[in-house]
Protein backbone atom coordinates (compact mmCIF):
# COMPACT_ATOMS: atom_id res chain seq x y z
CA MET A 1 14.86 -4.42 3.51
CA LYS A 2 17.39 -2.15 1.72
CA LEU A 3 20.11 -2.79 -0.83
CA VAL A 4 23.08 -0.62 -0.24
CA ILE A 5 25.31 0.02 -3.46
CA ALA A 6 28.67 1.59 -2.63
CA TYR A 7 31.53 2.87 -5.12
CA ILE A 8 34.80 3.22 -3.26
CA GLN A 9 38.40 3.59 -4.08
CA PRO A 10 40.03 0.09 -4.58
CA TYR A 11 42.74 0.71 -2.11
CA ARG A 12 40.14 1.48 0.62
CA LEU A 13 38.42 -1.96 0.46
CA PRO A 14 40.51 -3.49 3.08
CA ALA A 15 39.56 -0.72 5.39
CA VAL A 16 35.86 -0.76 4.57
CA LYS A 17 35.61 -4.60 5.00
CA ALA A 18 37.31 -4.39 8.36
CA ALA A 19 34.56 -1.67 9.28
CA LEU A 20 31.69 -3.77 8.26
CA GLN A 21 33.05 -6.60 10.29
CA GLU A 22 33.20 -4.47 13.39
CA GLU A 23 29.42 -3.73 12.84
CA GLN A 24 28.75 -7.43 12.18
CA VAL A 25 27.92 -7.10 8.43
CA MET A 26 29.61 -9.99 6.91
CA LYS A 27 27.70 -10.65 3.66
CA MET A 28 28.41 -8.48 0.61
CA SER A 29 29.21 -8.71 -3.22
CA VAL A 30 32.35 -6.95 -4.43
CA SER A 31 33.01 -6.15 -7.89
CA ASN A 32 35.57 -3.87 -10.00
CA ALA A 33 34.05 -0.95 -11.74
CA LEU A 34 34.92 1.95 -13.90
CA GLY A 35 33.54 5.31 -13.52
CA CYS A 36 34.01 9.03 -13.59
CA GLY A 37 32.64 12.00 -11.41
CA GLN A 38 33.95 15.17 -9.94
CA GLN A 39 37.72 14.02 -10.28
CA GLN A 40 37.50 14.35 -14.20
CA GLY A 41 40.19 11.78 -14.57
CA TYR A 42 43.74 12.66 -15.55
CA ASP A 43 45.95 13.07 -18.64
CA GLU A 44 48.49 10.47 -19.54
CA THR A 45 51.07 10.49 -22.35
CA TYR A 46 51.60 7.03 -24.22
CA ARG A 47 54.33 7.27 -26.95
CA GLY A 48 54.43 10.92 -27.26
CA VAL A 49 50.42 11.07 -27.47
CA LYS A 50 48.26 12.60 -24.61
CA HIS A 51 45.32 10.64 -23.75
CA LYS A 52 42.47 11.72 -21.33
CA ILE A 53 41.83 9.27 -18.99
CA ASN A 54 38.31 9.93 -17.45
CA LEU A 55 37.25 6.35 -16.50
CA LEU A 56 38.84 5.59 -13.11
CA LYS A 57 39.07 2.17 -11.25
CA LYS A 58 36.54 1.91 -8.53
CA VAL A 59 35.18 -0.96 -6.33
CA ARG A 60 31.55 -1.70 -6.18
CA LEU A 61 29.79 -2.99 -3.07
CA GLU A 62 26.31 -4.62 -2.81
CA ILE A 63 25.09 -5.27 0.50
CA ALA A 64 21.43 -6.36 1.29
CA VAL A 65 20.39 -5.61 4.78
CA ASN A 66 17.32 -5.37 6.99
CA GLU A 67 16.21 -2.04 8.09
CA ASP A 68 17.99 -2.22 11.78
CA TYR A 69 21.38 -2.92 10.07
CA LEU A 70 21.02 0.08 7.32
CA ASP A 71 22.56 2.86 9.45
CA ARG A 72 25.34 0.82 10.96
CA THR A 73 26.09 -0.38 7.39
CA VAL A 74 26.08 3.07 6.01
CA LYS A 75 28.25 4.58 8.86
CA ALA A 76 30.81 1.71 8.52
CA ILE A 77 31.35 2.19 4.77
CA ILE A 78 31.91 5.82 5.19
CA ARG A 79 34.36 5.14 8.12
CA GLY A 80 36.31 2.92 5.97
CA ALA A 81 36.34 4.93 2.90
CA LYS A 82 36.50 8.43 3.86
CA THR A 83 39.76 10.44 3.15
CA GLY A 84 38.35 13.81 2.80
CA LYS A 85 39.68 13.88 -0.95
CA ILE A 86 37.43 14.18 -4.07
CA GLY A 87 36.95 10.71 -5.30
CA ASP A 88 36.12 9.05 -1.91
CA GLY A 89 33.02 7.53 -3.57
CA LYS A 90 29.08 7.29 -3.32
CA ILE A 91 26.56 5.47 -1.28
CA PHE A 92 23.19 4.48 -2.90
CA VAL A 93 20.37 2.99 -0.92
CA LEU A 94 17.58 1.33 -2.63
CA GLU A 95 14.29 -0.40 -1.65
CA LEU A 96 14.57 -3.99 -1.75
CA SER A 97 11.38 -5.60 -2.80
CA GLN A 98 12.22 -9.33 -2.35
CA CYS A 99 14.85 -11.68 -1.11
CA ILE A 100 14.86 -15.20 -1.59
CA ARG A 101 17.39 -17.70 -0.39
CA ILE A 102 17.83 -20.61 -2.98
CA ARG A 103 18.86 -23.22 -0.49
CA THR A 104 15.78 -23.22 1.79
CA ASN A 105 13.30 -21.04 -0.37
CA GLU A 106 13.23 -18.53 2.52
CA THR A 107 11.88 -15.08 1.57
CA GLY A 108 11.93 -11.57 3.00
CA GLY A 109 14.40 -10.30 5.98
CA VAL A 110 14.98 -13.98 7.04
CA ALA A 111 16.50 -14.66 3.66
CA ILE A 112 18.96 -11.78 4.13
CA GLY A 113 20.08 -13.09 7.46
């Protein structure tokens, strides 16, 4: 079992969701995030004062998958999020030690679905 965490551009979320649905990956958690990376942010002027904005809006996806869905999940995220420009995002794959479905008390890969 793996936990896939992806940070993507907010406007790419519909394309990523569509790519994941094509791969039969339907279960995910989505939240808003702020972050900075190679983009270094941008400068903004407000009432004549320059401000350095280096925390940019991102979307965080969390998807728990069984091993047989890992490659297709990662490839779908890349397919939907990639523009070829700085700021496309990052994907992290973590080992998931346990998963429990609360409704039925099922554990492991069965609980992920």
